[in-house]
Amino acid sequence: MLKAGADSVVSIHPPDALSGIYNAARLASQKFGWRVTVLDSGQLSLGLGYQVILAAEAAAQGAGREQVLSLVESVRKRVRMTALLETIAYIHRSGRVSWTAAMIGGAIRLQPLIELRVGIVRRLGQARTRLQGVERLVELLNSWGQLERLAVLHTYAESAACQLLEHVRSKVSIPPLLVNVTTAIGTHVGPYGLGFVAVPIL
């Protein structure tokens, strides 16, 4: 990109706590000095993606490096990701979330509600039925106030995700996205997960 004429590069990555990509990029950037800035997004999927999208839109409109960095920091602080998982089993097997060990016994059939904030997966509670879990998801979305961007995420649960999208699309002026998350994420959260990524307006 620098050889192609870019003055500088802002490189945005998954959280260091969950992936080695950030550290690899940081090490690779050192020989470029200030011209390459590597950022830990603290997020995955569209939680990271909206930081990239909004930064790219700003750069395309003529924003300078410092303006882009300030915008990414603003989005990183505001972005919210929450999900309803079908089971705790897959995220427990990943070995990356410590609190799952305490739940794995009798709670294996409960559907956990989780959020990702600043690279840390937190438990928000659990639902005994799918309907209760989806209702709780929507309650959380409503609590975030007015939204700048919104995406509905799923892991091979397209029909349910489309229904959820229709229910919430009026909450944002820019059309929300529908995303089947990558297999790298799906492996850790399991099939039939549903969730939101949103960028609230503060």
N, C-alpha and C. Protein backbone atom coordinates (compact mmCIF):
# COMPACT_ATOMS: atom_id res chain seq x y z
N MET A 1 0.83 -1.21 0.00
CA MET A 1 0.00 0.00 0.00
C MET A 1 0.85 1.25 0.00
N LEU A 2 1.96 1.23 0.75
CA LEU A 2 2.85 2.38 0.76
C LEU A 2 3.52 2.55 -0.61
N LYS A 3 3.92 1.45 -1.22
CA LYS A 3 4.51 1.52 -2.56
C LYS A 3 3.50 2.01 -3.59
N ALA A 4 2.22 1.75 -3.34
CA ALA A 4 1.17 2.18 -4.27
C ALA A 4 0.83 3.65 -4.10
N GLY A 5 1.44 4.31 -3.09
CA GLY A 5 1.23 5.75 -2.96
C GLY A 5 0.57 6.21 -1.69
N ALA A 6 0.21 5.28 -0.78
CA ALA A 6 -0.42 5.69 0.48
C ALA A 6 0.61 6.43 1.35
N ASP A 7 0.16 7.52 1.98
CA ASP A 7 1.05 8.25 2.89
C ASP A 7 1.27 7.47 4.17
N SER A 8 0.22 6.81 4.64
CA SER A 8 0.33 6.02 5.87
C SER A 8 -0.75 4.95 5.85
N VAL A 9 -0.61 3.99 6.74
CA VAL A 9 -1.55 2.87 6.82
C VAL A 9 -2.04 2.74 8.26
N VAL A 10 -3.34 2.60 8.42
CA VAL A 10 -3.94 2.27 9.71
C VAL A 10 -4.42 0.83 9.62
N SER A 11 -3.84 -0.04 10.44
CA SER A 11 -4.03 -1.48 10.35
C SER A 11 -4.81 -1.95 11.59
N ILE A 12 -6.03 -2.45 11.40
CA ILE A 12 -6.95 -2.74 12.51
C ILE A 12 -7.16 -4.25 12.61
N HIS A 13 -7.03 -4.80 13.82
CA HIS A 13 -6.97 -6.25 13.98
C HIS A 13 -7.83 -6.76 15.14
N PRO A 14 -8.07 -8.11 15.17
CA PRO A 14 -8.76 -8.72 16.31
C PRO A 14 -7.98 -8.48 17.60
N PRO A 15 -8.65 -8.65 18.74
CA PRO A 15 -8.00 -8.33 20.02
C PRO A 15 -6.83 -9.24 20.33
N ASP A 16 -5.82 -8.65 20.91
CA ASP A 16 -4.61 -9.39 21.30
C ASP A 16 -4.95 -10.51 22.27
N ALA A 17 -5.98 -10.32 23.10
CA ALA A 17 -6.36 -11.33 24.09
C ALA A 17 -6.92 -12.60 23.45
N LEU A 18 -7.38 -12.50 22.19
CA LEU A 18 -8.03 -13.63 21.54
C LEU A 18 -7.31 -14.14 20.30
N SER A 19 -6.30 -13.41 19.84
CA SER A 19 -5.63 -13.78 18.59
C SER A 19 -4.19 -13.30 18.59
N GLY A 20 -3.33 -14.03 17.89
CA GLY A 20 -1.94 -13.61 17.75
C GLY A 20 -1.71 -12.68 16.57
N ILE A 21 -2.77 -12.38 15.81
CA ILE A 21 -2.62 -11.56 14.60
C ILE A 21 -2.15 -10.15 14.94
N TYR A 22 -2.70 -9.57 15.99
CA TYR A 22 -2.33 -8.20 16.34
C TYR A 22 -0.83 -8.09 16.62
N ASN A 23 -0.30 -9.01 17.41
CA ASN A 23 1.11 -8.95 17.76
C ASN A 23 2.00 -9.17 16.54
N ALA A 24 1.59 -10.09 15.66
CA ALA A 24 2.35 -10.31 14.43
C ALA A 24 2.38 -9.04 13.57
N ALA A 25 1.25 -8.37 13.47
CA ALA A 25 1.18 -7.13 12.69
C ALA A 25 2.02 -6.03 13.34
N ARG A 26 1.96 -5.97 14.67
CA ARG A 26 2.74 -4.95 15.38
C ARG A 26 4.23 -5.12 15.13
N LEU A 27 4.70 -6.37 15.18
CA LEU A 27 6.12 -6.63 14.94
C LEU A 27 6.49 -6.30 13.49
N ALA A 28 5.61 -6.66 12.56
CA ALA A 28 5.89 -6.40 11.15
C ALA A 28 5.91 -4.90 10.83
N SER A 29 5.17 -4.13 11.61
CA SER A 29 5.04 -2.68 11.32
C SER A 29 6.25 -1.88 11.80
N GLN A 30 7.08 -2.45 12.64
CA GLN A 30 8.12 -1.66 13.31
C GLN A 30 9.10 -1.02 12.33
N LYS A 31 9.40 -1.68 11.23
CA LYS A 31 10.37 -1.12 10.31
C LYS A 31 9.80 0.04 9.49
N PHE A 32 8.50 0.30 9.60
CA PHE A 32 7.89 1.38 8.84
C PHE A 32 7.69 2.65 9.67
N GLY A 33 7.99 2.59 10.96
CA GLY A 33 7.87 3.77 11.79
C GLY A 33 6.44 4.28 11.87
N TRP A 34 6.29 5.60 11.87
CA TRP A 34 4.98 6.23 12.03
C TRP A 34 4.05 5.97 10.86
N ARG A 35 4.58 5.50 9.74
CA ARG A 35 3.76 5.35 8.55
C ARG A 35 2.76 4.21 8.66
N VAL A 36 2.97 3.28 9.59
CA VAL A 36 2.02 2.18 9.82
C VAL A 36 1.62 2.18 11.28
N THR A 37 0.33 2.33 11.54
CA THR A 37 -0.21 2.29 12.90
C THR A 37 -1.06 1.05 13.05
N VAL A 38 -0.71 0.18 14.00
CA VAL A 38 -1.43 -1.07 14.22
C VAL A 38 -2.34 -0.90 15.44
N LEU A 39 -3.61 -1.24 15.28
CA LEU A 39 -4.59 -1.03 16.34
C LEU A 39 -5.23 -2.35 16.75
N ASP A 40 -5.44 -2.51 18.04
CA ASP A 40 -6.20 -3.61 18.61
C ASP A 40 -7.65 -3.15 18.68
N SER A 41 -8.52 -3.77 17.90
CA SER A 41 -9.91 -3.33 17.83
C SER A 41 -10.70 -3.69 19.08
N GLY A 42 -10.22 -4.70 19.84
CA GLY A 42 -10.99 -5.17 20.98
C GLY A 42 -12.22 -5.96 20.60
N GLN A 43 -12.40 -6.24 19.28
CA GLN A 43 -13.62 -6.84 18.79
C GLN A 43 -13.35 -7.90 17.74
N LEU A 44 -14.40 -8.64 17.36
CA LEU A 44 -14.37 -9.61 16.29
C LEU A 44 -15.51 -9.32 15.31
N SER A 45 -15.48 -9.97 14.17
CA SER A 45 -16.54 -9.88 13.19
C SER A 45 -16.86 -8.41 12.87
N LEU A 46 -18.14 -8.06 12.84
CA LEU A 46 -18.51 -6.68 12.50
C LEU A 46 -18.20 -5.70 13.61
N GLY A 47 -17.88 -6.18 14.81
CA GLY A 47 -17.39 -5.28 15.85
C GLY A 47 -16.08 -4.65 15.42
N LEU A 48 -15.24 -5.45 14.79
CA LEU A 48 -14.03 -4.96 14.15
C LEU A 48 -14.37 -4.30 12.81
N GLY A 49 -15.26 -4.95 12.07
CA GLY A 49 -15.59 -4.49 10.73
C GLY A 49 -16.11 -3.07 10.66
N TYR A 50 -16.95 -2.67 11.63
CA TYR A 50 -17.47 -1.31 11.59
C TYR A 50 -16.38 -0.28 11.87
N GLN A 51 -15.37 -0.65 12.64
CA GLN A 51 -14.24 0.26 12.82
C GLN A 51 -13.52 0.47 11.49
N VAL A 52 -13.36 -0.61 10.73
CA VAL A 52 -12.72 -0.53 9.43
C VAL A 52 -13.59 0.24 8.44
N ILE A 53 -14.88 -0.09 8.38
CA ILE A 53 -15.79 0.55 7.42
C ILE A 53 -15.86 2.05 7.63
N LEU A 54 -16.07 2.47 8.88
CA LEU A 54 -16.21 3.91 9.15
C LEU A 54 -14.89 4.64 8.93
N ALA A 55 -13.77 3.98 9.23
CA ALA A 55 -12.46 4.58 8.97
C ALA A 55 -12.24 4.75 7.47
N ALA A 56 -12.59 3.72 6.69
CA ALA A 56 -12.41 3.77 5.24
C ALA A 56 -13.31 4.84 4.62
N GLU A 57 -14.53 4.96 5.12
CA GLU A 57 -15.43 6.00 4.61
C GLU A 57 -14.86 7.39 4.89
N ALA A 58 -14.33 7.57 6.09
CA ALA A 58 -13.75 8.87 6.44
C ALA A 58 -12.53 9.18 5.58
N ALA A 59 -11.66 8.18 5.36
CA ALA A 59 -10.48 8.38 4.53
C ALA A 59 -10.87 8.72 3.09
N ALA A 60 -11.91 8.07 2.58
CA ALA A 60 -12.37 8.32 1.22
C ALA A 60 -12.92 9.74 1.07
N GLN A 61 -13.39 10.30 2.19
CA GLN A 61 -13.91 11.66 2.17
C GLN A 61 -12.85 12.70 2.48
N GLY A 62 -11.59 12.26 2.58
CA GLY A 62 -10.48 13.19 2.75
C GLY A 62 -9.94 13.35 4.15
N ALA A 63 -10.40 12.54 5.10
CA ALA A 63 -9.89 12.63 6.48
C ALA A 63 -8.42 12.25 6.52
N GLY A 64 -7.65 12.97 7.33
CA GLY A 64 -6.23 12.66 7.51
C GLY A 64 -6.02 11.55 8.51
N ARG A 65 -4.77 11.17 8.68
CA ARG A 65 -4.42 10.05 9.55
C ARG A 65 -4.91 10.26 10.98
N GLU A 66 -4.68 11.43 11.55
CA GLU A 66 -5.08 11.67 12.94
C GLU A 66 -6.59 11.67 13.08
N GLN A 67 -7.30 12.17 12.08
CA GLN A 67 -8.76 12.14 12.12
C GLN A 67 -9.28 10.71 12.08
N VAL A 68 -8.65 9.90 11.23
CA VAL A 68 -9.06 8.49 11.14
C VAL A 68 -8.80 7.77 12.46
N LEU A 69 -7.64 8.00 13.05
CA LEU A 69 -7.32 7.36 14.32
C LEU A 69 -8.31 7.77 15.42
N SER A 70 -8.68 9.05 15.44
CA SER A 70 -9.64 9.52 16.42
C SER A 70 -11.00 8.88 16.21
N LEU A 71 -11.40 8.74 14.95
CA LEU A 71 -12.68 8.11 14.65
C LEU A 71 -12.69 6.65 15.07
N VAL A 72 -11.62 5.92 14.75
CA VAL A 72 -11.56 4.51 15.12
C VAL A 72 -11.64 4.35 16.64
N GLU A 73 -10.95 5.22 17.37
CA GLU A 73 -11.01 5.16 18.83
C GLU A 73 -12.43 5.40 19.33
N SER A 74 -13.14 6.35 18.70
CA SER A 74 -14.52 6.63 19.08
C SER A 74 -15.42 5.42 18.83
N VAL A 75 -15.28 4.80 17.66
CA VAL A 75 -16.10 3.64 17.34
C VAL A 75 -15.76 2.48 18.26
N ARG A 76 -14.47 2.27 18.53
CA ARG A 76 -14.05 1.18 19.40
C ARG A 76 -14.69 1.29 20.78
N LYS A 77 -14.81 2.51 21.29
CA LYS A 77 -15.41 2.72 22.61
C LYS A 77 -16.92 2.51 22.58
N ARG A 78 -17.55 2.79 21.44
CA ARG A 78 -19.01 2.73 21.37
C ARG A 78 -19.56 1.39 20.94
N VAL A 79 -18.81 0.65 20.13
CA VAL A 79 -19.37 -0.55 19.50
C VAL A 79 -19.76 -1.59 20.55
N ARG A 80 -20.88 -2.22 20.31
CA ARG A 80 -21.39 -3.26 21.22
C ARG A 80 -21.64 -4.54 20.43
N MET A 81 -21.22 -5.65 21.00
CA MET A 81 -21.49 -6.96 20.42
C MET A 81 -22.07 -7.86 21.49
N THR A 82 -23.22 -8.45 21.17
CA THR A 82 -23.84 -9.39 22.10
C THR A 82 -24.42 -10.54 21.31
N ALA A 83 -24.49 -11.71 21.94
CA ALA A 83 -24.95 -12.90 21.21
C ALA A 83 -25.64 -13.88 22.15
N LEU A 84 -26.54 -14.64 21.56
CA LEU A 84 -27.21 -15.75 22.24
C LEU A 84 -26.67 -17.02 21.62
N LEU A 85 -26.05 -17.86 22.44
CA LEU A 85 -25.49 -19.11 21.95
C LEU A 85 -26.45 -20.27 22.21
N GLU A 86 -26.41 -21.25 21.35
CA GLU A 86 -27.25 -22.43 21.52
C GLU A 86 -26.81 -23.25 22.73
N THR A 87 -25.52 -23.24 23.01
CA THR A 87 -24.96 -24.02 24.12
C THR A 87 -23.65 -23.39 24.56
N ILE A 88 -23.27 -23.67 25.78
CA ILE A 88 -21.98 -23.19 26.31
C ILE A 88 -20.82 -24.09 25.87
N ALA A 89 -21.14 -25.26 25.31
CA ALA A 89 -20.13 -26.30 25.10
C ALA A 89 -18.98 -25.85 24.20
N TYR A 90 -19.29 -25.20 23.07
CA TYR A 90 -18.25 -24.86 22.11
C TYR A 90 -17.30 -23.79 22.63
N ILE A 91 -17.87 -22.77 23.26
CA ILE A 91 -17.00 -21.71 23.78
C ILE A 91 -16.16 -22.22 24.94
N HIS A 92 -16.68 -23.20 25.68
CA HIS A 92 -15.90 -23.83 26.75
C HIS A 92 -14.72 -24.61 26.16
N ARG A 93 -14.97 -25.36 25.09
CA ARG A 93 -13.92 -26.15 24.46
C ARG A 93 -12.79 -25.28 23.90
N SER A 94 -13.12 -24.05 23.54
CA SER A 94 -12.10 -23.17 22.97
C SER A 94 -10.98 -22.89 23.96
N GLY A 95 -11.29 -22.96 25.26
CA GLY A 95 -10.29 -22.72 26.29
C GLY A 95 -9.92 -21.26 26.46
N ARG A 96 -10.64 -20.35 25.79
CA ARG A 96 -10.29 -18.94 25.82
C ARG A 96 -11.15 -18.12 26.78
N VAL A 97 -12.15 -18.76 27.38
CA VAL A 97 -13.08 -18.03 28.25
C VAL A 97 -13.14 -18.73 29.58
N SER A 98 -12.55 -18.13 30.60
CA SER A 98 -12.35 -18.82 31.88
C SER A 98 -13.64 -19.15 32.61
N TRP A 99 -14.64 -18.26 32.55
CA TRP A 99 -15.81 -18.47 33.38
C TRP A 99 -16.68 -19.64 32.93
N THR A 100 -16.45 -20.18 31.73
CA THR A 100 -17.28 -21.29 31.26
C THR A 100 -17.08 -22.55 32.09
N ALA A 101 -15.92 -22.70 32.71
CA ALA A 101 -15.66 -23.90 33.50
C ALA A 101 -16.65 -24.03 34.65
N ALA A 102 -17.04 -22.90 35.23
CA ALA A 102 -17.97 -22.93 36.36
C ALA A 102 -19.40 -23.27 35.92
N MET A 103 -19.70 -23.13 34.62
CA MET A 103 -21.05 -23.36 34.14
C MET A 103 -21.24 -24.71 33.47
N ILE A 104 -20.16 -25.37 33.11
CA ILE A 104 -20.24 -26.47 32.17
C ILE A 104 -21.02 -27.66 32.70
N GLY A 105 -21.24 -27.77 34.00
CA GLY A 105 -21.96 -28.90 34.56
C GLY A 105 -23.44 -28.89 34.22
N GLY A 106 -24.26 -28.40 35.16
CA GLY A 106 -25.69 -28.41 34.97
C GLY A 106 -26.19 -27.40 33.97
N ALA A 107 -25.35 -26.43 33.59
CA ALA A 107 -25.82 -25.35 32.73
C ALA A 107 -25.60 -25.65 31.25
N ILE A 108 -25.16 -26.84 30.91
CA ILE A 108 -24.82 -27.13 29.53
C ILE A 108 -26.01 -26.94 28.60
N ARG A 109 -27.22 -27.13 29.10
CA ARG A 109 -28.40 -27.00 28.24
C ARG A 109 -28.97 -25.59 28.24
N LEU A 110 -28.45 -24.73 29.09
CA LEU A 110 -28.89 -23.34 29.06
C LEU A 110 -28.25 -22.61 27.89
N GLN A 111 -28.93 -21.61 27.38
CA GLN A 111 -28.43 -20.83 26.26
C GLN A 111 -27.84 -19.52 26.81
N PRO A 112 -26.52 -19.40 26.80
CA PRO A 112 -25.90 -18.21 27.41
C PRO A 112 -26.00 -16.97 26.53
N LEU A 113 -26.16 -15.85 27.19
CA LEU A 113 -26.05 -14.54 26.55
C LEU A 113 -24.68 -13.99 26.89
N ILE A 114 -23.94 -13.57 25.86
CA ILE A 114 -22.59 -13.07 26.09
C ILE A 114 -22.39 -11.74 25.39
N GLU A 115 -21.35 -11.01 25.80
CA GLU A 115 -20.94 -9.82 25.08
C GLU A 115 -19.42 -9.82 24.98
N LEU A 116 -18.92 -9.15 23.96
CA LEU A 116 -17.48 -8.97 23.81
C LEU A 116 -17.19 -7.49 23.93
N ARG A 117 -16.38 -7.13 24.92
CA ARG A 117 -15.98 -5.74 25.13
C ARG A 117 -14.48 -5.70 25.40
N VAL A 118 -13.76 -4.93 24.61
CA VAL A 118 -12.32 -4.73 24.78
C VAL A 118 -11.58 -6.07 24.88
N GLY A 119 -11.95 -7.00 24.03
CA GLY A 119 -11.27 -8.28 23.97
C GLY A 119 -11.65 -9.28 25.02
N ILE A 120 -12.63 -8.96 25.87
CA ILE A 120 -13.02 -9.85 26.96
C ILE A 120 -14.45 -10.33 26.74
N VAL A 121 -14.65 -11.66 26.79
CA VAL A 121 -15.98 -12.24 26.65
C VAL A 121 -16.63 -12.30 28.03
N ARG A 122 -17.76 -11.61 28.17
CA ARG A 122 -18.46 -11.56 29.45
C ARG A 122 -19.81 -12.26 29.33
N ARG A 123 -20.24 -12.86 30.42
CA ARG A 123 -21.56 -13.51 30.46
C ARG A 123 -22.58 -12.51 30.96
N LEU A 124 -23.69 -12.38 30.22
CA LEU A 124 -24.76 -11.47 30.61
C LEU A 124 -25.92 -12.20 31.27
N GLY A 125 -25.86 -13.52 31.26
CA GLY A 125 -26.95 -14.31 31.80
C GLY A 125 -27.19 -15.51 30.91
N GLN A 126 -28.33 -16.17 31.10
CA GLN A 126 -28.67 -17.30 30.26
C GLN A 126 -30.18 -17.41 30.14
N ALA A 127 -30.61 -18.09 29.10
CA ALA A 127 -32.04 -18.27 28.85
C ALA A 127 -32.33 -19.77 28.81
N ARG A 128 -33.52 -20.13 29.28
CA ARG A 128 -33.90 -21.54 29.26
C ARG A 128 -34.54 -21.93 27.93
N THR A 129 -35.08 -20.93 27.22
CA THR A 129 -35.67 -21.21 25.91
C THR A 129 -35.13 -20.23 24.88
N ARG A 130 -35.24 -20.61 23.63
CA ARG A 130 -34.77 -19.75 22.54
C ARG A 130 -35.55 -18.44 22.52
N LEU A 131 -36.85 -18.52 22.70
CA LEU A 131 -37.69 -17.33 22.67
C LEU A 131 -37.27 -16.33 23.75
N GLN A 132 -37.04 -16.82 24.97
CA GLN A 132 -36.59 -15.94 26.05
C GLN A 132 -35.26 -15.29 25.71
N GLY A 133 -34.37 -16.06 25.10
CA GLY A 133 -33.07 -15.52 24.74
C GLY A 133 -33.16 -14.43 23.70
N VAL A 134 -33.98 -14.64 22.67
CA VAL A 134 -34.15 -13.63 21.62
C VAL A 134 -34.79 -12.37 22.19
N GLU A 135 -35.77 -12.54 23.06
CA GLU A 135 -36.40 -11.38 23.69
C GLU A 135 -35.38 -10.58 24.50
N ARG A 136 -34.49 -11.27 25.18
CA ARG A 136 -33.45 -10.59 25.96
C ARG A 136 -32.48 -9.87 25.04
N LEU A 137 -32.14 -10.48 23.90
CA LEU A 137 -31.28 -9.82 22.91
C LEU A 137 -31.88 -8.49 22.47
N VAL A 138 -33.16 -8.52 22.15
CA VAL A 138 -33.83 -7.29 21.67
C VAL A 138 -33.90 -6.25 22.77
N GLU A 139 -34.12 -6.67 24.02
CA GLU A 139 -34.11 -5.74 25.15
C GLU A 139 -32.75 -5.04 25.26
N LEU A 140 -31.68 -5.82 25.11
CA LEU A 140 -30.34 -5.23 25.17
C LEU A 140 -30.14 -4.23 24.04
N LEU A 141 -30.57 -4.60 22.85
CA LEU A 141 -30.44 -3.69 21.71
C LEU A 141 -31.19 -2.38 21.97
N ASN A 142 -32.40 -2.48 22.50
CA ASN A 142 -33.19 -1.28 22.79
C ASN A 142 -32.51 -0.40 23.83
N SER A 143 -31.77 -1.01 24.74
CA SER A 143 -31.12 -0.25 25.81
C SER A 143 -29.94 0.58 25.30
N TRP A 144 -29.47 0.31 24.08
CA TRP A 144 -28.31 1.02 23.55
C TRP A 144 -28.66 2.37 22.95
N GLY A 145 -29.95 2.68 22.86
CA GLY A 145 -30.36 3.99 22.35
C GLY A 145 -30.28 4.08 20.84
N GLN A 146 -30.13 5.30 20.34
CA GLN A 146 -30.09 5.53 18.90
C GLN A 146 -28.81 4.95 18.31
N LEU A 147 -28.94 4.32 17.14
CA LEU A 147 -27.82 3.60 16.56
C LEU A 147 -27.34 4.24 15.26
N GLU A 148 -26.02 4.22 15.07
CA GLU A 148 -25.41 4.68 13.83
C GLU A 148 -25.32 3.54 12.82
N ARG A 149 -24.94 2.36 13.26
CA ARG A 149 -24.85 1.17 12.41
C ARG A 149 -25.35 -0.04 13.19
N LEU A 150 -25.81 -1.05 12.44
CA LEU A 150 -26.34 -2.26 13.07
C LEU A 150 -26.12 -3.45 12.14
N ALA A 151 -25.74 -4.58 12.71
CA ALA A 151 -25.63 -5.84 11.97
C ALA A 151 -26.23 -6.96 12.81
N VAL A 152 -26.92 -7.87 12.15
CA VAL A 152 -27.40 -9.10 12.78
C VAL A 152 -26.44 -10.21 12.38
N LEU A 153 -25.88 -10.89 13.38
CA LEU A 153 -24.92 -11.96 13.15
C LEU A 153 -25.57 -13.30 13.45
N HIS A 154 -25.12 -14.34 12.74
CA HIS A 154 -25.61 -15.68 13.05
C HIS A 154 -24.56 -16.71 12.66
N THR A 155 -24.68 -17.89 13.25
CA THR A 155 -23.85 -19.02 12.84
C THR A 155 -24.78 -20.09 12.31
N TYR A 156 -24.97 -20.08 11.00
CA TYR A 156 -25.81 -21.06 10.32
C TYR A 156 -27.23 -21.10 10.88
N ALA A 157 -27.78 -19.91 11.11
CA ALA A 157 -29.16 -19.78 11.58
C ALA A 157 -29.82 -18.67 10.77
N GLU A 158 -29.73 -18.79 9.45
CA GLU A 158 -30.13 -17.69 8.57
C GLU A 158 -31.61 -17.35 8.69
N SER A 159 -32.47 -18.35 8.78
CA SER A 159 -33.90 -18.09 8.85
C SER A 159 -34.24 -17.27 10.09
N ALA A 160 -33.71 -17.69 11.24
CA ALA A 160 -33.96 -16.96 12.48
C ALA A 160 -33.35 -15.56 12.42
N ALA A 161 -32.17 -15.45 11.81
CA ALA A 161 -31.50 -14.15 11.71
C ALA A 161 -32.29 -13.20 10.81
N CYS A 162 -32.87 -13.72 9.73
CA CYS A 162 -33.68 -12.87 8.83
C CYS A 162 -34.92 -12.35 9.55
N GLN A 163 -35.54 -13.21 10.35
CA GLN A 163 -36.70 -12.77 11.13
C GLN A 163 -36.30 -11.68 12.12
N LEU A 164 -35.16 -11.87 12.76
CA LEU A 164 -34.68 -10.88 13.71
C LEU A 164 -34.35 -9.57 13.01
N LEU A 165 -33.76 -9.67 11.83
CA LEU A 165 -33.43 -8.47 11.05
C LEU A 165 -34.67 -7.66 10.73
N GLU A 166 -35.73 -8.32 10.30
CA GLU A 166 -36.97 -7.61 9.97
C GLU A 166 -37.54 -6.91 11.20
N HIS A 167 -37.34 -7.52 12.36
CA HIS A 167 -37.88 -6.96 13.60
C HIS A 167 -37.14 -5.70 14.04
N VAL A 168 -35.85 -5.58 13.67
CA VAL A 168 -35.03 -4.48 14.22
C VAL A 168 -34.55 -3.49 13.16
N ARG A 169 -34.85 -3.71 11.88
CA ARG A 169 -34.26 -2.86 10.85
C ARG A 169 -34.68 -1.39 10.96
N SER A 170 -35.81 -1.11 11.59
CA SER A 170 -36.26 0.27 11.73
C SER A 170 -35.46 1.07 12.77
N LYS A 171 -34.58 0.40 13.50
CA LYS A 171 -33.85 1.07 14.57
C LYS A 171 -32.63 1.84 14.07
N VAL A 172 -32.34 1.76 12.77
CA VAL A 172 -31.16 2.42 12.22
C VAL A 172 -31.50 2.94 10.83
N SER A 173 -31.00 4.13 10.49
CA SER A 173 -31.34 4.74 9.20
C SER A 173 -30.59 4.08 8.04
N ILE A 174 -29.34 3.67 8.26
CA ILE A 174 -28.58 2.96 7.24
C ILE A 174 -28.97 1.49 7.30
N PRO A 175 -29.28 0.87 6.16
CA PRO A 175 -29.74 -0.53 6.19
C PRO A 175 -28.79 -1.44 6.97
N PRO A 176 -29.32 -2.20 7.90
CA PRO A 176 -28.46 -3.10 8.70
C PRO A 176 -27.94 -4.25 7.85
N LEU A 177 -26.84 -4.84 8.30
CA LEU A 177 -26.23 -5.96 7.60
C LEU A 177 -26.67 -7.28 8.22
N LEU A 178 -26.69 -8.32 7.40
CA LEU A 178 -26.95 -9.69 7.85
C LEU A 178 -25.70 -10.49 7.55
N VAL A 179 -25.07 -11.05 8.59
CA VAL A 179 -23.75 -11.67 8.42
C VAL A 179 -23.72 -13.06 9.05
N ASN A 180 -23.36 -14.05 8.24
CA ASN A 180 -23.03 -15.37 8.75
C ASN A 180 -21.56 -15.35 9.11
N VAL A 181 -21.22 -15.42 10.38
CA VAL A 181 -19.84 -15.20 10.81
C VAL A 181 -18.93 -16.28 10.26
N THR A 182 -17.65 -16.01 10.24
CA THR A 182 -16.68 -16.92 9.66
C THR A 182 -16.59 -18.22 10.45
N THR A 183 -16.06 -19.24 9.81
CA THR A 183 -15.89 -20.52 10.49
C THR A 183 -14.92 -20.41 11.66
N ALA A 184 -13.97 -19.48 11.58
CA ALA A 184 -13.01 -19.31 12.69
C ALA A 184 -13.73 -18.92 13.97
N ILE A 185 -14.74 -18.06 13.84
CA ILE A 185 -15.54 -17.67 15.01
C ILE A 185 -16.58 -18.73 15.31
N GLY A 186 -17.22 -19.25 14.27
CA GLY A 186 -18.27 -20.25 14.46
C GLY A 186 -17.78 -21.49 15.19
N THR A 187 -16.53 -21.86 14.97
CA THR A 187 -15.96 -23.01 15.66
C THR A 187 -15.98 -22.82 17.16
N HIS A 188 -15.81 -21.59 17.61
CA HIS A 188 -15.74 -21.31 19.05
C HIS A 188 -17.11 -21.08 19.68
N VAL A 189 -18.06 -20.56 18.92
CA VAL A 189 -19.37 -20.28 19.52
C VAL A 189 -20.41 -21.35 19.20
N GLY A 190 -20.17 -22.16 18.17
CA GLY A 190 -21.09 -23.23 17.84
C GLY A 190 -22.19 -22.78 16.88
N PRO A 191 -22.94 -23.74 16.33
CA PRO A 191 -24.01 -23.41 15.39
C PRO A 191 -25.22 -22.81 16.09
N TYR A 192 -26.04 -22.15 15.28
CA TYR A 192 -27.34 -21.59 15.69
C TYR A 192 -27.23 -20.42 16.65
N GLY A 193 -26.07 -19.76 16.68
CA GLY A 193 -25.94 -18.55 17.47
C GLY A 193 -26.60 -17.36 16.75
N LEU A 194 -27.10 -16.43 17.54
CA LEU A 194 -27.70 -15.19 17.03
C LEU A 194 -27.11 -14.02 17.81
N GLY A 195 -26.92 -12.89 17.13
CA GLY A 195 -26.40 -11.76 17.87
C GLY A 195 -26.51 -10.46 17.11
N PHE A 196 -26.08 -9.40 17.77
CA PHE A 196 -26.05 -8.05 17.20
C PHE A 196 -24.67 -7.45 17.36
N VAL A 197 -24.30 -6.64 16.39
CA VAL A 197 -23.23 -5.67 16.56
C VAL A 197 -23.84 -4.31 16.25
N ALA A 198 -23.66 -3.36 17.12
CA ALA A 198 -24.24 -2.04 16.92
C ALA A 198 -23.22 -0.97 17.31
N VAL A 199 -23.34 0.16 16.63
CA VAL A 199 -22.55 1.34 16.99
C VAL A 199 -23.53 2.40 17.45
N PRO A 200 -23.74 2.54 18.76
CA PRO A 200 -24.65 3.56 19.26
C PRO A 200 -24.14 4.97 19.00
N ILE A 201 -25.08 5.89 18.89
CA ILE A 201 -24.74 7.31 18.76
C ILE A 201 -24.73 7.91 20.16
N LEU A 202 -23.61 8.45 20.58
CA LEU A 202 -23.52 9.04 21.92
C LEU A 202 -23.79 10.53 21.88
